[in-house]
Amino acid sequence: MISPKLVLFYLVIILAGAAYGRYKKSHEGVSISDDYALIKKYLLHDKSLTDTRKPFLWIHIDYEVNARNWSSWGSRNSTHLNQPYMYLCIRSIVEQCGHSFNVVLVDDAAFPRLLPTWTIQVQNMPSPLKQHLRDLAMAKVLHKYGGVTVPASFICLKDLKPVFSGLLKGAGKTMFAGEFVARSDSAVSFFPDSALMGCTKESPEMQQYIAYLEPLVTSDYTNEYEFLSQNDRWLYKQLVAEPPQLSLLRGSLIGTKTTDGKPVLIEQLLGEEDVDFAEDAYGIYVPADQILTRLAFQWFARLSPRQVLTSNTVVGKYLLLSNDR
């Protein structure tokens, strides 16, 4: 008897192949410069904040100096994003959510424009302090404007508006966080994480989170994971409080957890074997930090959009499907 999972695997391959054919026709002649144009279009500008009819969807873009793609032989470093798969992820978010959300891309230089009292030049700070300050700044942006922050490496399969509304107004809460694989050894496999987080404008819970972060940022945390684990634990405490102080966006809905409750790992996402994602998933989170820091996976960050889509990886297949919907 043929396994249902095997049938599903071949179905995904067939759909991805058909999707690539349609993608190739509809994006004939599209180059990486077109993806730069997409970034420029949605990057924070003077009119970004005038449309308050729709909730905000914030995507942070990290322009770190890198040598992944040289602009010339004499200049072997650049501050471009230089991760083509991420442009495809951003495009999927815009295409799926652009009609329901006011999508705004922000970089480190945008924080003083969004937050009048913010005077720190995050882009000039050393690591890991830079990431600590980003986390604090994004929490302040969410508190001031409301909305949801979505990772630039999230493959969006459908509009996030239903979960955004359901986890806030529908659940009687003012804040929610996504369920991600635990960053460090702990008794639980998953923790709520600020990587995908949302709130109402001037949420009291988000204000408490900011009050927790501010002294933490100034602490001497030289280990990035140690700092982030502290964040996760605070969110977890709010989740298990009686009554719960925030809503949880289940990992099965964002591709961090399989249908049988197991963590989805980078080895699976960049592998060829199908992953048992939930049928009602809104998207798939790709851990961009692991792609850049783990030598075994850095090759993926260098692939062109065409190479990503034909890479025969789980990420490539779902990017095809997301851009074809």
Protein backbone atom coordinates (compact mmCIF):
# COMPACT_ATOMS: atom_id res chain seq x y z
CA MET A 1 0.00 0.00 0.00
CA ILE A 2 1.33 3.45 -0.95
CA SER A 3 2.04 5.73 2.00
CA PRO A 4 -0.11 8.92 2.14
CA LYS A 5 3.04 10.90 3.00
CA LEU A 6 4.73 9.58 -0.16
CA VAL A 7 1.71 10.64 -2.22
CA LEU A 8 1.84 14.10 -0.64
CA PHE A 9 5.58 14.36 -1.34
CA TYR A 10 5.14 13.63 -5.04
CA LEU A 11 2.17 16.00 -5.18
CA VAL A 12 4.34 18.83 -3.82
CA ILE A 13 7.03 18.06 -6.42
CA ILE A 14 4.46 18.08 -9.25
CA LEU A 15 2.90 21.33 -8.05
CA ALA A 16 6.31 22.93 -7.62
CA GLY A 17 7.31 21.92 -11.14
CA ALA A 18 4.13 23.36 -12.60
CA ALA A 19 4.54 26.48 -10.48
CA TYR A 20 8.07 27.01 -11.77
CA GLY A 21 6.82 26.89 -15.34
CA ARG A 22 4.25 29.59 -14.60
CA TYR A 23 6.75 31.57 -12.49
CA LYS A 24 9.29 31.49 -15.31
CA LYS A 25 6.75 32.85 -17.80
CA SER A 26 5.37 35.57 -15.53
CA HIS A 27 8.84 36.65 -14.32
CA GLU A 28 10.68 36.39 -17.63
CA GLY A 29 13.56 38.84 -17.59
CA VAL A 30 13.28 39.52 -13.88
CA SER A 31 16.70 40.02 -12.29
CA ILE A 32 18.06 40.65 -8.84
CA SER A 33 17.77 44.39 -9.58
CA ASP A 34 13.99 43.94 -9.69
CA ASP A 35 14.16 42.52 -6.19
CA TYR A 36 16.17 45.57 -5.10
CA ALA A 37 13.35 47.66 -6.58
CA LEU A 38 10.85 45.72 -4.46
CA ILE A 39 12.89 46.52 -1.35
CA LYS A 40 13.07 50.19 -2.33
CA LYS A 41 9.32 50.37 -2.94
CA TYR A 42 8.38 49.13 0.53
CA LEU A 43 11.31 50.56 2.48
CA LEU A 44 10.21 53.17 5.01
CA HIS A 45 9.57 56.56 3.41
CA ASP A 46 7.53 59.66 4.20
CA LYS A 47 4.22 58.15 3.04
CA SER A 48 4.69 54.75 4.70
CA LEU A 49 2.90 55.74 7.91
CA THR A 50 0.05 57.81 6.45
CA ASP A 51 -2.21 54.86 5.61
CA THR A 52 -3.63 53.84 8.99
CA ARG A 53 -6.69 52.09 7.57
CA LYS A 54 -4.80 48.81 7.57
CA PRO A 55 -2.60 47.31 10.31
CA PHE A 56 1.16 47.55 9.83
CA LEU A 57 3.29 44.59 8.85
CA TRP A 58 6.93 45.33 9.67
CA ILE A 59 9.87 43.54 8.04
CA HIS A 60 13.36 44.33 9.30
CA ILE A 61 16.16 44.23 6.72
CA ASP A 62 19.67 43.60 8.03
CA TYR A 63 22.35 45.27 5.89
CA GLU A 64 25.53 43.79 7.35
CA VAL A 65 28.86 44.15 5.54
CA ASN A 66 29.44 40.88 3.69
CA ALA A 67 31.38 39.32 0.83
CA ARG A 68 28.68 37.04 -0.56
CA ASN A 69 28.32 38.91 -3.86
CA TRP A 70 31.04 41.33 -4.97
CA SER A 71 30.00 44.57 -6.67
CA SER A 72 33.40 44.54 -8.42
CA TRP A 73 36.74 42.74 -8.31
CA GLY A 74 38.29 45.64 -6.41
CA SER A 75 35.46 45.84 -3.90
CA ARG A 76 34.91 42.44 -2.32
CA ASN A 77 32.57 43.62 0.41
CA SER A 78 29.14 45.22 0.20
CA THR A 79 26.25 46.25 2.43
CA HIS A 80 23.59 44.83 0.11
CA LEU A 81 21.40 42.11 1.56
CA ASN A 82 22.98 39.63 -0.88
CA GLN A 83 20.66 36.78 0.04
CA PRO A 84 18.46 36.23 -3.04
CA TYR A 85 16.26 33.64 -1.36
CA MET A 86 15.30 36.33 1.15
CA TYR A 87 14.07 38.62 -1.63
CA LEU A 88 11.79 35.79 -2.73
CA CYS A 89 10.54 35.44 0.86
CA ILE A 90 9.83 39.18 1.08
CA ARG A 91 8.05 39.07 -2.25
CA SER A 92 5.83 36.25 -0.96
CA ILE A 93 4.91 38.32 2.12
CA VAL A 94 4.07 41.36 0.00
CA GLU A 95 2.01 39.37 -2.49
CA GLN A 96 0.05 37.47 0.16
CA CYS A 97 -0.43 40.28 2.71
CA GLY A 98 -0.11 43.53 0.77
CA HIS A 99 -3.86 44.06 0.37
CA SER A 100 -4.62 43.47 4.09
CA PHE A 101 -1.61 45.14 5.71
CA ASN A 102 0.41 48.29 5.27
CA VAL A 103 3.73 46.54 4.57
CA VAL A 104 6.77 48.54 5.67
CA LEU A 105 10.40 47.44 5.39
CA VAL A 106 12.73 48.99 7.95
CA ASP A 107 16.49 48.98 8.39
CA ASP A 108 18.55 50.15 11.35
CA ALA A 109 18.66 53.73 10.06
CA ALA A 110 14.84 53.94 10.16
CA PHE A 111 14.43 53.76 13.93
CA PRO A 112 15.03 57.49 14.65
CA ARG A 113 12.39 58.35 12.03
CA LEU A 114 9.87 55.95 13.54
CA LEU A 115 10.65 56.79 17.16
CA PRO A 116 11.21 60.53 17.77
CA THR A 117 12.92 59.93 21.13
CA TRP A 118 15.26 57.25 19.73
CA THR A 119 18.74 58.72 19.25
CA ILE A 120 20.89 55.58 19.04
CA GLN A 121 22.56 54.85 15.69
CA VAL A 122 22.02 51.10 15.77
CA GLN A 123 23.85 50.55 12.48
CA ASN A 124 27.08 51.84 14.06
CA MET A 125 26.97 49.58 17.12
CA PRO A 126 29.11 46.44 17.52
CA SER A 127 27.64 42.97 17.79
CA PRO A 128 25.92 41.60 19.79
CA LEU A 129 24.76 44.96 21.19
CA LYS A 130 23.45 45.85 17.74
CA GLN A 131 20.94 42.97 17.75
CA HIS A 132 19.92 43.70 21.34
CA LEU A 133 19.09 47.29 20.36
CA ARG A 134 17.19 46.12 17.28
CA ASP A 135 14.98 43.93 19.45
CA LEU A 136 14.25 46.85 21.76
CA ALA A 137 13.62 49.27 18.90
CA MET A 138 11.23 46.89 17.12
CA ALA A 139 9.29 46.36 20.36
CA LYS A 140 8.96 50.14 20.69
CA VAL A 141 7.81 50.42 17.06
CA LEU A 142 5.14 47.78 17.66
CA HIS A 143 3.98 49.54 20.82
CA LYS A 144 3.75 52.94 19.11
CA TYR A 145 2.09 51.85 15.85
CA GLY A 146 0.73 48.36 16.46
CA GLY A 147 0.85 45.60 13.87
CA VAL A 148 3.03 42.55 13.42
CA THR A 149 6.72 42.04 12.74
CA VAL A 150 7.49 39.22 10.31
CA PRO A 151 10.99 37.83 9.59
CA ALA A 152 12.40 38.65 6.15
CA SER A 153 13.09 34.91 5.79
CA PHE A 154 9.44 33.87 6.20
CA ILE A 155 7.87 32.10 3.21
CA CYS A 156 4.30 33.38 3.25
CA LEU A 157 1.73 30.99 1.80
CA LYS A 158 -1.43 32.98 2.57
CA ASP A 159 -2.70 36.21 4.09
CA LEU A 160 -1.79 36.60 7.78
CA LYS A 161 -4.75 38.88 8.56
CA PRO A 162 -7.01 36.08 9.96
CA VAL A 163 -4.41 34.98 12.54
CA PHE A 164 -3.51 38.59 13.35
CA SER A 165 -7.13 39.45 14.13
CA GLY A 166 -7.88 36.12 15.80
CA LEU A 167 -4.91 36.22 18.17
CA LEU A 168 -5.65 39.79 19.28
CA LYS A 169 -9.25 40.96 19.12
CA GLY A 170 -10.64 37.44 18.73
CA ALA A 171 -8.74 36.17 21.77
CA GLY A 172 -9.25 39.27 23.90
CA LYS A 173 -5.48 39.88 24.05
CA THR A 174 -3.30 42.84 23.08
CA MET A 175 -0.13 40.89 22.19
CA PHE A 176 0.94 37.61 20.62
CA ALA A 177 4.19 35.84 19.73
CA GLY A 178 5.06 33.00 17.39
CA GLU A 179 6.10 29.55 18.59
CA PHE A 180 9.68 28.75 17.56
CA VAL A 181 12.20 26.00 18.23
CA ALA A 182 13.93 26.65 21.57
CA ARG A 183 17.29 28.39 21.08
CA SER A 184 19.06 26.56 23.91
CA ASP A 185 18.84 23.38 25.94
CA SER A 186 15.70 23.48 28.05
CA ALA A 187 12.92 21.28 29.34
CA VAL A 188 10.66 22.37 26.48
CA SER A 189 11.30 22.13 22.74
CA PHE A 190 9.49 25.35 21.81
CA PHE A 191 9.31 28.88 23.14
CA PRO A 192 7.36 31.98 22.11
CA ASP A 193 9.77 34.23 20.22
CA SER A 194 9.89 37.90 19.26
CA ALA A 195 10.96 37.00 15.70
CA LEU A 196 7.27 36.96 14.74
CA MET A 197 5.32 39.10 17.16
CA GLY A 198 2.30 41.41 17.07
CA CYS A 199 0.25 43.70 19.24
CA THR A 200 -2.40 46.38 19.31
CA LYS A 201 -1.33 50.01 19.36
CA GLU A 202 -0.05 50.98 22.84
CA SER A 203 -0.46 47.43 24.13
CA PRO A 204 0.07 47.29 27.94
CA GLU A 205 1.76 43.88 27.60
CA MET A 206 4.17 45.22 24.98
CA GLN A 207 4.98 48.11 27.30
CA GLN A 208 5.85 45.58 30.02
CA TYR A 209 8.05 43.70 27.54
CA ILE A 210 9.87 46.95 26.71
CA ALA A 211 10.36 47.68 30.41
CA TYR A 212 11.91 44.21 30.76
CA LEU A 213 14.17 44.64 27.72
CA GLU A 214 15.59 48.08 28.54
CA PRO A 215 17.79 47.04 31.49
CA LEU A 216 18.58 43.73 29.77
CA VAL A 217 20.03 45.55 26.76
CA THR A 218 22.52 47.39 28.96
CA SER A 219 23.63 44.18 30.68
CA ASP A 220 26.92 42.60 29.67
CA TYR A 221 25.55 39.90 27.38
CA THR A 222 28.34 38.87 25.02
CA ASN A 223 26.48 35.71 24.01
CA GLU A 224 23.64 36.47 21.60
CA TYR A 225 21.76 33.26 22.36
CA GLU A 226 21.94 33.92 26.09
CA PHE A 227 20.31 37.32 25.57
CA LEU A 228 17.62 35.96 23.26
CA SER A 229 16.89 33.08 25.61
CA GLN A 230 16.13 35.62 28.33
CA ASN A 231 13.60 37.26 25.99
CA ASP A 232 12.00 33.93 25.20
CA ARG A 233 11.69 32.99 28.87
CA TRP A 234 9.92 36.28 29.66
CA LEU A 235 7.43 35.68 26.85
CA TYR A 236 6.95 32.09 28.03
CA LYS A 237 6.14 33.26 31.56
CA GLN A 238 3.44 35.57 30.18
CA LEU A 239 2.04 32.70 28.13
CA VAL A 240 1.72 30.25 31.04
CA ALA A 241 0.50 32.86 33.54
CA GLU A 242 -3.03 32.59 34.96
CA PRO A 243 -4.71 34.02 33.04
CA PRO A 244 -2.34 34.05 30.01
CA GLN A 245 -1.09 37.55 29.19
CA LEU A 246 -0.47 36.91 25.50
CA SER A 247 -1.65 34.69 22.65
CA LEU A 248 0.50 32.08 20.93
CA LEU A 249 0.78 31.69 17.18
CA ARG A 250 1.21 27.92 16.98
CA GLY A 251 4.39 26.64 15.39
CA SER A 252 2.43 24.38 13.05
CA LEU A 253 0.97 27.51 11.43
CA ILE A 254 4.36 29.09 10.71
CA GLY A 255 6.34 26.00 9.75
CA THR A 256 8.46 25.62 12.88
CA LYS A 257 6.64 22.48 14.03
CA THR A 258 5.53 19.39 12.10
CA THR A 259 2.05 17.93 12.34
CA ASP A 260 3.28 15.42 14.93
CA GLY A 261 4.79 18.16 17.10
CA LYS A 262 8.46 17.80 16.17
CA PRO A 263 10.80 20.78 15.54
CA VAL A 264 11.50 21.66 11.91
CA LEU A 265 15.27 21.96 11.51
CA ILE A 266 17.44 23.74 8.95
CA GLU A 267 18.76 20.35 7.79
CA GLN A 268 15.23 19.45 6.72
CA LEU A 269 14.46 22.79 5.09
CA LEU A 270 17.57 22.66 2.90
CA GLY A 271 17.18 18.95 2.26
CA GLU A 272 15.23 17.16 -0.45
CA GLU A 273 12.87 15.03 1.65
CA ASP A 274 9.41 16.43 2.21
CA VAL A 275 8.56 17.87 5.63
CA ASP A 276 5.20 17.08 7.21
CA PHE A 277 3.87 20.64 7.43
CA ALA A 278 0.31 21.32 8.55
CA GLU A 279 -2.19 21.76 5.73
CA ASP A 280 -3.46 24.99 7.31
CA ALA A 281 0.02 26.54 7.65
CA TYR A 282 0.24 30.24 6.82
CA GLY A 283 3.90 30.01 5.97
CA ILE A 284 7.30 28.50 6.67
CA TYR A 285 9.99 30.15 8.75
CA VAL A 286 13.54 29.80 7.42
CA PRO A 287 16.22 30.37 10.13
CA ALA A 288 18.36 32.91 8.25
CA ASP A 289 20.92 33.19 11.05
CA GLN A 290 21.77 29.50 10.77
CA ILE A 291 22.19 29.76 7.00
CA LEU A 292 24.82 32.46 7.51
CA THR A 293 26.61 31.05 10.56
CA ARG A 294 26.72 27.32 9.82
CA LEU A 295 29.32 26.46 7.18
CA ALA A 296 27.31 23.53 5.85
CA PHE A 297 24.48 25.84 4.73
CA GLN A 298 26.19 29.06 3.63
CA TRP A 299 26.01 27.94 -0.01
CA PHE A 300 22.27 28.58 0.02
CA ALA A 301 22.67 32.30 0.75
CA ARG A 302 24.73 32.68 -2.44
CA LEU A 303 22.24 31.08 -4.83
CA SER A 304 20.56 33.29 -7.42
CA PRO A 305 16.73 33.43 -7.42
CA ARG A 306 16.63 30.95 -10.31
CA GLN A 307 19.02 28.60 -8.53
CA VAL A 308 16.95 28.81 -5.34
CA LEU A 309 13.77 27.92 -7.19
CA THR A 310 15.41 24.96 -8.95
CA SER A 311 17.49 23.83 -5.95
CA ASN A 312 15.33 20.78 -5.19
CA THR A 313 15.21 21.83 -1.56
CA VAL A 314 12.11 22.10 0.62
CA VAL A 315 12.63 25.88 0.78
CA GLY A 316 12.91 26.12 -2.99
CA LYS A 317 9.73 24.11 -3.56
CA TYR A 318 7.65 26.19 -1.18
CA LEU A 319 9.04 29.46 -2.53
CA LEU A 320 7.81 28.34 -5.93
CA LEU A 321 4.37 27.59 -4.53
CA SER A 322 4.19 30.86 -2.59
CA ASN A 323 5.11 33.00 -5.60
CA ASP A 324 2.62 31.14 -7.79
CA ARG A 325 -0.48 31.73 -5.63
